């Protein structure tokens, strides 16, 4: 009888472990997606900053050219 109870307890705990592992895998997948989205957002921000800097340089150059004429 004791062995049957022990076997049932082990089976129940094994099921909990599977649920825990499945939940951890889901969380890991969501974190990966968040990380990828963050990288995309950062790349977009860097592009916008680069474009803004280029426009500022062009404006400064135009102002310098206008000042020398």
PDB file of N, CA and C in Angstrom:
ATOM      1  N   UNK A   1       0.824  -1.191   0.000  1.00  0.00           N
ATOM      2  CA  UNK A   1       0.000   0.000   0.000  1.00  0.00           C
ATOM      3  C   UNK A   1       0.871   1.260   0.000  1.00  0.00           C
ATOM      4  N   UNK A   2       1.921   1.209   0.785  1.00  0.00           N
ATOM      5  CA  UNK A   2       2.821   2.369   0.866  1.00  0.00           C
ATOM      6  C   UNK A   2       3.468   2.649  -0.490  1.00  0.00           C
ATOM      7  N   UNK A   3       3.797   1.619  -1.231  1.00  0.00           N
ATOM      8  CA  UNK A   3       4.421   1.782  -2.533  1.00  0.00           C
ATOM      9  C   UNK A   3       3.441   2.399  -3.535  1.00  0.00           C
ATOM     10  N   UNK A   4       2.187   2.077  -3.412  1.00  0.00           N
ATOM     11  CA  UNK A   4       1.178   2.642  -4.314  1.00  0.00           C
ATOM     12  C   UNK A   4       1.036   4.144  -4.052  1.00  0.00           C
ATOM     13  N   UNK A   5       1.010   4.525  -2.788  1.00  0.00           N
ATOM     14  CA  UNK A   5       0.901   5.944  -2.432  1.00  0.00           C
ATOM     15  C   UNK A   5       2.142   6.692  -2.905  1.00  0.00           C
ATOM     16  N   UNK A   6       3.301   6.085  -2.704  1.00  0.00           N
ATOM     17  CA  UNK A   6       4.550   6.700  -3.150  1.00  0.00           C
ATOM     18  C   UNK A   6       4.561   6.866  -4.672  1.00  0.00           C
ATOM     19  N   UNK A   7       4.113   5.847  -5.387  1.00  0.00           N
ATOM     20  CA  UNK A   7       4.064   5.914  -6.849  1.00  0.00           C
ATOM     21  C   UNK A   7       3.093   7.004  -7.306  1.00  0.00           C
ATOM     22  N   UNK A   8       1.951   7.123  -6.621  1.00  0.00           N
ATOM     23  CA  UNK A   8       0.978   8.154  -6.976  1.00  0.00           C
ATOM     24  C   UNK A   8       1.550   9.539  -6.708  1.00  0.00           C
ATOM     25  N   UNK A   9       2.271   9.692  -5.602  1.00  0.00           N
ATOM     26  CA  UNK A   9       2.872  10.987  -5.276  1.00  0.00           C
ATOM     27  C   UNK A   9       3.932  11.366  -6.299  1.00  0.00           C
ATOM     28  N   UNK A  10       4.750  10.395  -6.686  1.00  0.00           N
ATOM     29  CA  UNK A  10       5.786  10.658  -7.689  1.00  0.00           C
ATOM     30  C   UNK A  10       5.151  11.047  -9.019  1.00  0.00           C
ATOM     31  N   UNK A  11       4.096  10.360  -9.413  1.00  0.00           N
ATOM     32  CA  UNK A  11       3.408  10.682 -10.667  1.00  0.00           C
ATOM     33  C   UNK A  11       2.808  12.083 -10.621  1.00  0.00           C
ATOM     34  N   UNK A  12       2.221  12.439  -9.478  1.00  0.00           N
ATOM     35  CA  UNK A  12       1.626  13.774  -9.341  1.00  0.00           C
ATOM     36  C   UNK A  12       2.702  14.850  -9.410  1.00  0.00           C
ATOM     37  N   UNK A  13       3.817  14.620  -8.743  1.00  0.00           N
ATOM     38  CA  UNK A  13       4.898  15.603  -8.766  1.00  0.00           C
ATOM     39  C   UNK A  13       5.533  15.698 -10.151  1.00  0.00           C
ATOM     40  N   UNK A  14       5.609  14.597 -10.852  1.00  0.00           N
ATOM     41  CA  UNK A  14       6.166  14.629 -12.213  1.00  0.00           C
ATOM     42  C   UNK A  14       5.283  15.479 -13.113  1.00  0.00           C
ATOM     43  N   UNK A  15       3.979  15.395 -12.938  1.00  0.00           N
ATOM     44  CA  UNK A  15       3.055  16.221 -13.713  1.00  0.00           C
ATOM     45  C   UNK A  15       3.246  17.693 -13.416  1.00  0.00           C
ATOM     46  N   UNK A  16       3.464  18.026 -12.159  1.00  0.00           N
ATOM     47  CA  UNK A  16       3.712  19.422 -11.781  1.00  0.00           C
ATOM     48  C   UNK A  16       4.998  19.925 -12.406  1.00  0.00           C
ATOM     49  N   UNK A  17       5.987  19.078 -12.470  1.00  0.00           N
ATOM     50  CA  UNK A  17       7.258  19.462 -13.091  1.00  0.00           C
ATOM     51  C   UNK A  17       7.083  19.771 -14.562  1.00  0.00           C
ATOM     52  N   UNK A  18       6.254  18.970 -15.227  1.00  0.00           N
ATOM     53  CA  UNK A  18       6.010  19.210 -16.652  1.00  0.00           C
ATOM     54  C   UNK A  18       5.300  20.545 -16.845  1.00  0.00           C
ATOM     55  N   UNK A  19       4.330  20.838 -15.979  1.00  0.00           N
ATOM     56  CA  UNK A  19       3.625  22.124 -16.070  1.00  0.00           C
ATOM     57  C   UNK A  19       4.585  23.280 -15.827  1.00  0.00           C
ATOM     58  N   UNK A  20       5.449  23.109 -14.845  1.00  0.00           N
ATOM     59  CA  UNK A  20       6.419  24.154 -14.537  1.00  0.00           C
ATOM     60  C   UNK A  20       7.366  24.378 -15.710  1.00  0.00           C
ATOM     61  N   UNK A  21       7.822  23.304 -16.306  1.00  0.00           N
ATOM     62  CA  UNK A  21       8.734  23.428 -17.452  1.00  0.00           C
ATOM     63  C   UNK A  21       8.032  24.076 -18.633  1.00  0.00           C
ATOM     64  N   UNK A  22       6.772  23.715 -18.836  1.00  0.00           N
ATOM     65  CA  UNK A  22       6.006  24.310 -19.934  1.00  0.00           C
ATOM     66  C   UNK A  22       5.815  25.802 -19.696  1.00  0.00           C
ATOM     67  N   UNK A  23       5.504  26.165 -18.464  1.00  0.00           N
ATOM     68  CA  UNK A  23       5.338  27.579 -18.124  1.00  0.00           C
ATOM     69  C   UNK A  23       6.636  28.343 -18.299  1.00  0.00           C
ATOM     70  N   UNK A  24       7.744  27.732 -17.894  1.00  0.00           N
ATOM     71  CA  UNK A  24       9.047  28.384 -18.044  1.00  0.00           C
ATOM     72  C   UNK A  24       9.389  28.577 -19.513  1.00  0.00           C
ATOM     73  N   UNK A  25       9.049  27.598 -20.330  1.00  0.00           N
ATOM     74  CA  UNK A  25       9.314  27.721 -21.770  1.00  0.00           C
ATOM     75  C   UNK A  25       8.481  28.847 -22.369  1.00  0.00           C
ATOM     76  N   UNK A  26       7.245  28.979 -21.924  1.00  0.00           N
ATOM     77  CA  UNK A  26       6.384  30.052 -22.417  1.00  0.00           C
ATOM     78  C   UNK A  26       6.948  31.412 -22.027  1.00  0.00           C
ATOM     79  N   UNK A  27       7.377  31.533 -20.784  1.00  0.00           N
ATOM     80  CA  UNK A  27       7.961  32.792 -20.317  1.00  0.00           C
ATOM     81  C   UNK A  27       9.223  33.113 -21.102  1.00  0.00           C
ATOM     82  N   UNK A  28      10.049  32.098 -21.348  1.00  0.00           N
ATOM     83  CA  UNK A  28      11.282  32.313 -22.106  1.00  0.00           C
ATOM     84  C   UNK A  28      10.969  32.790 -23.523  1.00  0.00           C
ATOM     85  N   UNK A  29       9.952  32.219 -24.134  1.00  0.00           N
ATOM     86  CA  UNK A  29       9.558  32.633 -25.485  1.00  0.00           C
ATOM     87  C   UNK A  29       9.084  34.082 -25.488  1.00  0.00           C
ATOM     88  N   UNK A  30       8.292  34.451 -24.493  1.00  0.00           N
ATOM     89  CA  UNK A  30       7.812  35.833 -24.410  1.00  0.00           C
ATOM     90  C   UNK A  30       8.968  36.802 -24.180  1.00  0.00           C
ATOM     91  N   UNK A  31       9.906  36.435 -23.332  1.00  0.00           N
ATOM     92  CA  UNK A  31      11.066  37.296 -23.073  1.00  0.00           C
ATOM     93  C   UNK A  31      11.897  37.462 -24.338  1.00  0.00           C
ATOM     94  N   UNK A  32      12.031  36.395 -25.098  1.00  0.00           N
ATOM     95  CA  UNK A  32      12.788  36.469 -26.357  1.00  0.00           C
ATOM     96  C   UNK A  32      12.102  37.441 -27.323  1.00  0.00           C
ATOM     97  N   UNK A  33      10.781  37.361 -27.402  1.00  0.00           N
ATOM     98  CA  UNK A  33      10.042  38.266 -28.279  1.00  0.00           C
ATOM     99  C   UNK A  33      10.191  39.712 -27.818  1.00  0.00           C
ATOM    100  N   UNK A  34      10.157  39.924 -26.505  1.00  0.00           N
ATOM    101  CA  UNK A  34      10.338  41.280 -25.968  1.00  0.00           C
ATOM    102  C   UNK A  34      11.725  41.804 -26.312  1.00  0.00           C
ATOM    103  N   UNK A  35      12.720  40.944 -26.195  1.00  0.00           N
ATOM    104  CA  UNK A  35      14.089  41.335 -26.505  1.00  0.00           C
ATOM    105  C   UNK A  35      14.236  41.693 -27.979  1.00  0.00           C
ATOM    106  N   UNK A  36      13.653  40.883 -28.852  1.00  0.00           N
ATOM    107  CA  UNK A  36      13.717  41.158 -30.291  1.00  0.00           C
ATOM    108  C   UNK A  36      13.013  42.473 -30.624  1.00  0.00           C
ATOM    109  N   UNK A  37      11.864  42.722 -30.005  1.00  0.00           N
ATOM    110  CA  UNK A  37      11.134  43.968 -30.243  1.00  0.00           C
ATOM    111  C   UNK A  37      11.944  45.153 -29.743  1.00  0.00           C
ATOM    112  N   UNK A  38      12.590  44.980 -28.598  1.00  0.00           N
ATOM    113  CA  UNK A  38      13.442  46.042 -28.058  1.00  0.00           C
ATOM    114  C   UNK A  38      14.591  46.369 -28.986  1.00  0.00           C
ATOM    115  N   UNK A  39      15.182  45.332 -29.579  1.00  0.00           N
ATOM    116  CA  UNK A  39      16.287  45.551 -30.527  1.00  0.00           C
ATOM    117  C   UNK A  39      15.796  46.320 -31.750  1.00  0.00           C
ATOM    118  N   UNK A  40      14.605  45.950 -32.240  1.00  0.00           N
ATOM    119  CA  UNK A  40      14.049  46.648 -33.405  1.00  0.00           C
ATOM    120  C   UNK A  40      13.785  48.116 -33.076  1.00  0.00           C
ATOM    121  N   UNK A  41      13.237  48.352 -31.899  1.00  0.00           N
ATOM    122  CA  UNK A  41      12.952  49.720 -31.477  1.00  0.00           C
ATOM    123  C   UNK A  41      14.244  50.522 -31.370  1.00  0.00           C
ATOM    124  N   UNK A  42      15.280  49.910 -30.812  1.00  0.00           N
ATOM    125  CA  UNK A  42      16.561  50.588 -30.672  1.00  0.00           C
ATOM    126  C   UNK A  42      17.168  50.894 -32.044  1.00  0.00           C
ATOM    127  N   UNK A  43      17.085  49.957 -32.970  1.00  0.00           N
ATOM    128  CA  UNK A  43      17.610  50.191 -34.317  1.00  0.00           C
ATOM    129  C   UNK A  43      16.867  51.333 -35.009  1.00  0.00           C
ATOM    130  N   UNK A  44      15.536  51.366 -34.838  1.00  0.00           N
ATOM    131  CA  UNK A  44      14.750  52.441 -35.435  1.00  0.00           C
ATOM    132  C   UNK A  44      15.131  53.788 -34.832  1.00  0.00           C
ATOM    133  N   UNK A  45      15.331  53.815 -33.525  1.00  0.00           N
ATOM    134  CA  UNK A  45      15.723  55.058 -32.865  1.00  0.00           C
ATOM    135  C   UNK A  45      17.093  55.513 -33.358  1.00  0.00           C
ATOM    136  N   UNK A  46      18.016  54.578 -33.521  1.00  0.00           N
ATOM    137  CA  UNK A  46      19.351  54.928 -34.010  1.00  0.00           C
ATOM    138  C   UNK A  46      19.285  55.483 -35.435  1.00  0.00           C
ATOM    139  N   UNK A  47      18.419  54.905 -36.253  1.00  0.00           N
ATOM    140  CA  UNK A  47      18.257  55.409 -37.619  1.00  0.00           C
ATOM    141  C   UNK A  47      17.701  56.827 -37.604  1.00  0.00           C
ATOM    142  N   UNK A  48      16.706  57.072 -36.771  1.00  0.00           N
ATOM    143  CA  UNK A  48      16.116  58.410 -36.692  1.00  0.00           C
ATOM    144  C   UNK A  48      17.136  59.423 -36.185  1.00  0.00           C
ATOM    145  N   UNK A  49      17.937  59.017 -35.215  1.00  0.00           N
ATOM    146  CA  UNK A  49      18.977  59.914 -34.702  1.00  0.00           C
ATOM    147  C   UNK A  49      19.996  60.205 -35.796  1.00  0.00           C
ATOM    148  N   UNK A  50      20.375  59.189 -36.538  1.00  0.00           N
ATOM    149  CA  UNK A  50      21.318  59.378 -37.638  1.00  0.00           C
ATOM    150  C   UNK A  50      20.776  60.323 -38.699  1.00  0.00           C
ATOM    151  N   UNK A  51      19.498  60.166 -39.030  1.00  0.00           N
ATOM    152  CA  UNK A  51      18.876  61.041 -40.020  1.00  0.00           C
ATOM    153  C   UNK A  51      18.820  62.480 -39.512  1.00  0.00           C
ATOM    154  N   UNK A  52      18.485  62.650 -38.239  1.00  0.00           N
ATOM    155  CA  UNK A  52      18.410  63.994 -37.664  1.00  0.00           C
ATOM    156  C   UNK A  52      19.787  64.656 -37.663  1.00  0.00           C
ATOM    157  N   UNK A  53      20.806  63.886 -37.337  1.00  0.00           N
ATOM    158  CA  UNK A  53      22.167  64.437 -37.330  1.00  0.00           C
ATOM    159  C   UNK A  53      22.589  64.829 -38.740  1.00  0.00           C
ATOM    160  N   UNK A  54      22.227  64.017 -39.713  1.00  0.00           N
ATOM    161  CA  UNK A  54      22.570  64.317 -41.104  1.00  0.00           C
ATOM    162  C   UNK A  54      21.881  65.612 -41.549  1.00  0.00           C
ATOM    163  N   UNK A  55      20.612  65.763 -41.174  1.00  0.00           N
ATOM    164  CA  UNK A  55      19.883  66.980 -41.528  1.00  0.00           C
ATOM    165  C   UNK A  55      20.501  68.203 -40.853  1.00  0.00           C
ATOM    166  N   UNK A  56      20.932  68.058 -39.599  1.00  0.00           N
ATOM    167  CA  UNK A  56      21.569  69.175 -38.898  1.00  0.00           C
ATOM    168  C   UNK A  56      22.885  69.558 -39.576  1.00  0.00           C
ATOM    169  N   UNK A  57      23.645  68.550 -39.994  1.00  0.00           N
ATOM    170  CA  UNK A  57      24.906  68.829 -40.679  1.00  0.00           C
ATOM    171  C   UNK A  57      24.664  69.552 -42.003  1.00  0.00           C
ATOM    172  N   UNK A  58      23.626  69.107 -42.714  1.00  0.00           N
ATOM    173  CA  UNK A  58      23.303  69.746 -43.991  1.00  0.00           C
ATOM    174  C   UNK A  58      22.851  71.193 -43.767  1.00  0.00           C
ATOM    175  N   UNK A  59      22.033  71.402 -42.729  1.00  0.00           N
ATOM    176  CA  UNK A  59      21.583  72.766 -42.421  1.00  0.00           C
ATOM    177  C   UNK A  59      22.752  73.649 -42.032  1.00  0.00           C
ATOM    178  N   UNK A  60      23.653  73.104 -41.245  1.00  0.00           N
ATOM    179  CA  UNK A  60      24.826  73.866 -40.824  1.00  0.00           C
ATOM    180  C   UNK A  60      25.706  74.202 -42.017  1.00  0.00           C
ATOM    181  N   UNK A  61      25.839  73.252 -42.922  1.00  0.00           N
ATOM    182  CA  UNK A  61      26.652  73.478 -44.111  1.00  0.00           C
ATOM    183  C   UNK A  61      26.017  74.549 -45.000  1.00  0.00           C
ATOM    184  N   UNK A  62      24.686  74.491 -45.146  1.00  0.00           N
ATOM    185  CA  UNK A  62      23.986  75.503 -45.944  1.00  0.00           C
ATOM    186  C   UNK A  62      24.152  76.884 -45.309  1.00  0.00           C
ATOM    187  N   UNK A  63      24.058  76.939 -43.990  1.00  0.00           N
ATOM    188  CA  UNK A  63      24.211  78.210 -43.296  1.00  0.00           C
ATOM    189  C   UNK A  63      25.638  78.734 -43.458  1.00  0.00           C
ATOM    190  N   UNK A  64      26.598  77.838 -43.404  1.00  0.00           N
ATOM    191  CA  UNK A  64      27.998  78.255 -43.579  1.00  0.00           C
ATOM    192  C   UNK A  64      28.240  78.722 -45.003  1.00  0.00           C
ATOM    193  N   UNK A  65      27.663  78.018 -45.965  1.00  0.00           N
ATOM    194  CA  UNK A  65      27.813  78.417 -47.371  1.00  0.00           C
ATOM    195  C   UNK A  65      27.132  79.755 -47.628  1.00  0.00           C
ATOM    196  N   UNK A  66      25.973  79.985 -47.026  1.00  0.00           N
ATOM    197  CA  UNK A  66      25.258  81.237 -47.204  1.00  0.00           C
ATOM    198  C   UNK A  66      26.011  82.385 -46.550  1.00  0.00           C
ATOM    199  N   UNK A  67      26.711  82.125 -45.476  1.00  0.00           N
ATOM    200  CA  UNK A  67      27.451  83.147 -44.779  1.00  0.00           C
ATOM    201  C   UNK A  67      28.717  83.562 -45.512  1.00  0.00           C
ATOM    202  N   UNK A  68      29.262  82.707 -46.346  1.00  0.00           N
ATOM    203  CA  UNK A  68      30.493  83.023 -47.077  1.00  0.00           C
ATOM    204  C   UNK A  68      30.208  83.712 -48.400  1.00  0.00           C
ATOM    205  N   UNK A  69      28.963  83.732 -48.777  1.00  0.00           N
ATOM    206  CA  UNK A  69      28.635  84.374 -50.078  1.00  0.00           C
ATOM    207  C   UNK A  69      28.318  85.816 -49.916  1.00  0.00           C
TER     208      UNK A  69
END
